[in-house]
Amino acid sequence: MSAGAQFGLFAVTAASCALAAWLSRALCHAILQAGLLADYRVNLANRTGR
């Protein structure tokens, strides 16, 4: 495989990973803000700053 094709595949993979990470963080933040995780440990840790 040529170097240009390898670089292109790397760039697409990196971009898709960054997009997936951003989307998952945004979804988690929205769920926390909606109060759906009020009784779960992740929300309790978020309130105490841990």
PDB file of N, CA and C in Angstrom:
ATOM      1  N   MET A   1       0.841  -1.167   0.000  1.00  0.00           N
ATOM      2  CA  MET A   1       0.000   0.000   0.000  1.00  0.00           C
ATOM      3  C   MET A   1       0.898   1.247   0.000  1.00  0.00           C
ATOM      4  N   SER A   2       0.508   2.235  -0.743  1.00  0.00           N
ATOM      5  CA  SER A   2       1.345   3.435  -0.850  1.00  0.00           C
ATOM      6  C   SER A   2       1.290   4.258   0.437  1.00  0.00           C
ATOM      7  N   ALA A   3       2.280   5.123   0.574  1.00  0.00           N
ATOM      8  CA  ALA A   3       2.353   5.959   1.772  1.00  0.00           C
ATOM      9  C   ALA A   3       1.172   6.908   1.851  1.00  0.00           C
ATOM     10  N   GLY A   4       0.717   7.419   0.720  1.00  0.00           N
ATOM     11  CA  GLY A   4      -0.434   8.321   0.712  1.00  0.00           C
ATOM     12  C   GLY A   4      -1.703   7.623   1.170  1.00  0.00           C
ATOM     13  N   ALA A   5      -1.891   6.381   0.744  1.00  0.00           N
ATOM     14  CA  ALA A   5      -3.070   5.624   1.160  1.00  0.00           C
ATOM     15  C   ALA A   5      -3.002   5.312   2.650  1.00  0.00           C
ATOM     16  N   GLN A   6      -1.828   4.985   3.144  1.00  0.00           N
ATOM     17  CA  GLN A   6      -1.675   4.706   4.573  1.00  0.00           C
ATOM     18  C   GLN A   6      -1.958   5.956   5.399  1.00  0.00           C
ATOM     19  N   PHE A   7      -1.444   7.086   4.936  1.00  0.00           N
ATOM     20  CA  PHE A   7      -1.699   8.333   5.654  1.00  0.00           C
ATOM     21  C   PHE A   7      -3.185   8.672   5.624  1.00  0.00           C
ATOM     22  N   GLY A   8      -3.837   8.457   4.502  1.00  0.00           N
ATOM     23  CA  GLY A   8      -5.266   8.715   4.395  1.00  0.00           C
ATOM     24  C   GLY A   8      -6.073   7.837   5.335  1.00  0.00           C
ATOM     25  N   LEU A   9      -5.736   6.564   5.394  1.00  0.00           N
ATOM     26  CA  LEU A   9      -6.423   5.660   6.307  1.00  0.00           C
ATOM     27  C   LEU A   9      -6.195   6.066   7.761  1.00  0.00           C
ATOM     28  N   PHE A  10      -4.977   6.456   8.075  1.00  0.00           N
ATOM     29  CA  PHE A  10      -4.684   6.919   9.431  1.00  0.00           C
ATOM     30  C   PHE A  10      -5.496   8.158   9.772  1.00  0.00           C
ATOM     31  N   ALA A  11      -5.574   9.106   8.853  1.00  0.00           N
ATOM     32  CA  ALA A  11      -6.308  10.350   9.092  1.00  0.00           C
ATOM     33  C   ALA A  11      -7.801  10.074   9.295  1.00  0.00           C
ATOM     34  N   VAL A  12      -8.371   9.206   8.479  1.00  0.00           N
ATOM     35  CA  VAL A  12      -9.793   8.872   8.618  1.00  0.00           C
ATOM     36  C   VAL A  12     -10.045   8.153   9.935  1.00  0.00           C
ATOM     37  N   THR A  13      -9.163   7.241  10.311  1.00  0.00           N
ATOM     38  CA  THR A  13      -9.309   6.513  11.567  1.00  0.00           C
ATOM     39  C   THR A  13      -9.201   7.459  12.753  1.00  0.00           C
ATOM     40  N   ALA A  14      -8.235   8.348  12.743  1.00  0.00           N
ATOM     41  CA  ALA A  14      -8.062   9.301  13.840  1.00  0.00           C
ATOM     42  C   ALA A  14      -9.260  10.238  13.954  1.00  0.00           C
ATOM     43  N   ALA A  15      -9.760  10.698  12.821  1.00  0.00           N
ATOM     44  CA  ALA A  15     -10.920  11.592  12.838  1.00  0.00           C
ATOM     45  C   ALA A  15     -12.163  10.883  13.361  1.00  0.00           C
ATOM     46  N   SER A  16     -12.365   9.647  12.967  1.00  0.00           N
ATOM     47  CA  SER A  16     -13.549   8.931  13.431  1.00  0.00           C
ATOM     48  C   SER A  16     -13.447   8.612  14.924  1.00  0.00           C
ATOM     49  N   CYS A  17     -12.256   8.318  15.412  1.00  0.00           N
ATOM     50  CA  CYS A  17     -12.076   8.084  16.849  1.00  0.00           C
ATOM     51  C   CYS A  17     -12.336   9.361  17.641  1.00  0.00           C
ATOM     52  N   ALA A  18     -11.847  10.473  17.151  1.00  0.00           N
ATOM     53  CA  ALA A  18     -12.077  11.746  17.836  1.00  0.00           C
ATOM     54  C   ALA A  18     -13.559  12.098  17.842  1.00  0.00           C
ATOM     55  N   LEU A  19     -14.243  11.862  16.745  1.00  0.00           N
ATOM     56  CA  LEU A  19     -15.680  12.134  16.674  1.00  0.00           C
ATOM     57  C   LEU A  19     -16.457  11.230  17.628  1.00  0.00           C
ATOM     58  N   ALA A  20     -16.103   9.962  17.680  1.00  0.00           N
ATOM     59  CA  ALA A  20     -16.782   9.037  18.584  1.00  0.00           C
ATOM     60  C   ALA A  20     -16.548   9.427  20.043  1.00  0.00           C
ATOM     61  N   ALA A  21     -15.347   9.850  20.377  1.00  0.00           N
ATOM     62  CA  ALA A  21     -15.052  10.279  21.750  1.00  0.00           C
ATOM     63  C   ALA A  21     -15.849  11.524  22.101  1.00  0.00           C
ATOM     64  N   TRP A  22     -15.925  12.470  21.191  1.00  0.00           N
ATOM     65  CA  TRP A  22     -16.684  13.695  21.431  1.00  0.00           C
ATOM     66  C   TRP A  22     -18.174  13.393  21.592  1.00  0.00           C
ATOM     67  N   LEU A  23     -18.713  12.546  20.736  1.00  0.00           N
ATOM     68  CA  LEU A  23     -20.126  12.195  20.818  1.00  0.00           C
ATOM     69  C   LEU A  23     -20.454  11.466  22.125  1.00  0.00           C
ATOM     70  N   SER A  24     -19.590  10.551  22.539  1.00  0.00           N
ATOM     71  CA  SER A  24     -19.857   9.825  23.779  1.00  0.00           C
ATOM     72  C   SER A  24     -19.776  10.751  24.982  1.00  0.00           C
ATOM     73  N   ARG A  25     -18.841  11.694  24.967  1.00  0.00           N
ATOM     74  CA  ARG A  25     -18.753  12.652  26.066  1.00  0.00           C
ATOM     75  C   ARG A  25     -19.962  13.563  26.085  1.00  0.00           C
ATOM     76  N   ALA A  26     -20.411  14.018  24.930  1.00  0.00           N
ATOM     77  CA  ALA A  26     -21.589  14.878  24.857  1.00  0.00           C
ATOM     78  C   ALA A  26     -22.837  14.129  25.327  1.00  0.00           C
ATOM     79  N   LEU A  27     -22.962  12.876  24.945  1.00  0.00           N
ATOM     80  CA  LEU A  27     -24.108  12.075  25.373  1.00  0.00           C
ATOM     81  C   LEU A  27     -24.088  11.863  26.880  1.00  0.00           C
ATOM     82  N   CYS A  28     -22.937  11.551  27.425  1.00  0.00           N
ATOM     83  CA  CYS A  28     -22.817  11.349  28.872  1.00  0.00           C
ATOM     84  C   CYS A  28     -23.146  12.641  29.619  1.00  0.00           C
ATOM     85  N   HIS A  29     -22.672  13.752  29.130  1.00  0.00           N
ATOM     86  CA  HIS A  29     -22.960  15.030  29.766  1.00  0.00           C
ATOM     87  C   HIS A  29     -24.458  15.327  29.721  1.00  0.00           C
ATOM     88  N   ALA A  30     -25.093  15.054  28.602  1.00  0.00           N
ATOM     89  CA  ALA A  30     -26.529  15.296  28.475  1.00  0.00           C
ATOM     90  C   ALA A  30     -27.327  14.400  29.417  1.00  0.00           C
ATOM     91  N   ILE A  31     -26.917  13.147  29.551  1.00  0.00           N
ATOM     92  CA  ILE A  31     -27.603  12.228  30.459  1.00  0.00           C
ATOM     93  C   ILE A  31     -27.434  12.681  31.905  1.00  0.00           C
ATOM     94  N   LEU A  32     -26.232  13.139  32.263  1.00  0.00           N
ATOM     95  CA  LEU A  32     -26.014  13.648  33.625  1.00  0.00           C
ATOM     96  C   LEU A  32     -26.863  14.889  33.886  1.00  0.00           C
ATOM     97  N   GLN A  33     -26.926  15.791  32.921  1.00  0.00           N
ATOM     98  CA  GLN A  33     -27.704  17.013  33.082  1.00  0.00           C
ATOM     99  C   GLN A  33     -29.197  16.731  33.181  1.00  0.00           C
ATOM    100  N   ALA A  34     -29.660  15.686  32.504  1.00  0.00           N
ATOM    101  CA  ALA A  34     -31.075  15.335  32.542  1.00  0.00           C
ATOM    102  C   ALA A  34     -31.462  14.684  33.858  1.00  0.00           C
ATOM    103  N   GLY A  35     -30.496  14.253  34.648  1.00  0.00           N
ATOM    104  CA  GLY A  35     -30.772  13.660  35.937  1.00  0.00           C
ATOM    105  C   GLY A  35     -31.067  12.171  35.877  1.00  0.00           C
ATOM    106  N   LEU A  36     -30.774  11.548  34.770  1.00  0.00           N
ATOM    107  CA  LEU A  36     -31.066  10.125  34.633  1.00  0.00           C
ATOM    108  C   LEU A  36     -30.121   9.249  35.439  1.00  0.00           C
ATOM    109  N   LEU A  37     -28.997   9.809  35.868  1.00  0.00           N
ATOM    110  CA  LEU A  37     -28.026   9.036  36.638  1.00  0.00           C
ATOM    111  C   LEU A  37     -27.958   9.529  38.078  1.00  0.00           C
ATOM    112  N   ALA A  38     -29.074  10.023  38.601  1.00  0.00           N
ATOM    113  CA  ALA A  38     -29.073  10.645  39.928  1.00  0.00           C
ATOM    114  C   ALA A  38     -28.634   9.688  41.026  1.00  0.00           C
ATOM    115  N   ASP A  39     -28.983   8.429  40.941  1.00  0.00           N
ATOM    116  CA  ASP A  39     -28.676   7.480  42.003  1.00  0.00           C
ATOM    117  C   ASP A  39     -27.450   6.625  41.728  1.00  0.00           C
ATOM    118  N   TYR A  40     -26.738   6.905  40.663  1.00  0.00           N
ATOM    119  CA  TYR A  40     -25.592   6.088  40.301  1.00  0.00           C
ATOM    120  C   TYR A  40     -24.302   6.707  40.812  1.00  0.00           C
ATOM    121  N   ARG A  41     -23.293   5.875  40.984  1.00  0.00           N
ATOM    122  CA  ARG A  41     -22.020   6.294  41.554  1.00  0.00           C
ATOM    123  C   ARG A  41     -21.349   7.384  40.716  1.00  0.00           C
ATOM    124  N   VAL A  42     -21.490   7.331  39.399  1.00  0.00           N
ATOM    125  CA  VAL A  42     -20.831   8.335  38.554  1.00  0.00           C
ATOM    126  C   VAL A  42     -21.356   9.726  38.865  1.00  0.00           C
ATOM    127  N   ASN A  43     -22.623   9.854  39.150  1.00  0.00           N
ATOM    128  CA  ASN A  43     -23.188  11.161  39.477  1.00  0.00           C
ATOM    129  C   ASN A  43     -22.779  11.586  40.884  1.00  0.00           C
ATOM    130  N   LEU A  44     -22.732  10.659  41.807  1.00  0.00           N
ATOM    131  CA  LEU A  44     -22.312  10.990  43.161  1.00  0.00           C
ATOM    132  C   LEU A  44     -20.868  11.459  43.184  1.00  0.00           C
ATOM    133  N   ALA A  45     -20.012  10.802  42.403  1.00  0.00           N
ATOM    134  CA  ALA A  45     -18.610  11.224  42.306  1.00  0.00           C
ATOM    135  C   ALA A  45     -18.499  12.570  41.629  1.00  0.00           C
ATOM    136  N   ASN A  46     -19.370  12.848  40.675  1.00  0.00           N
ATOM    137  CA  ASN A  46     -19.349  14.121  39.977  1.00  0.00           C
ATOM    138  C   ASN A  46     -19.745  15.262  40.923  1.00  0.00           C
ATOM    139  N   ARG A  47     -20.658  15.000  41.828  1.00  0.00           N
ATOM    140  CA  ARG A  47     -21.090  16.037  42.776  1.00  0.00           C
ATOM    141  C   ARG A  47     -20.019  16.354  43.802  1.00  0.00           C
ATOM    142  N   THR A  48     -19.256  15.351  44.217  1.00  0.00           N
ATOM    143  CA  THR A  48     -18.232  15.566  45.238  1.00  0.00           C
ATOM    144  C   THR A  48     -16.908  16.026  44.651  1.00  0.00           C
ATOM    145  N   GLY A  49     -16.785  16.018  43.330  1.00  0.00           N
ATOM    146  CA  GLY A  49     -15.558  16.477  42.690  1.00  0.00           C
ATOM    147  C   GLY A  49     -14.488  15.431  42.557  1.00  0.00           C
ATOM    148  N   ARG A  50     -14.831  14.169  42.698  1.00  0.00           N
ATOM    149  CA  ARG A  50     -13.833  13.099  42.573  1.00  0.00           C
ATOM    150  C   ARG A  50     -13.744  12.600  41.187  1.00  0.00           C
TER     151      ARG A  50
END
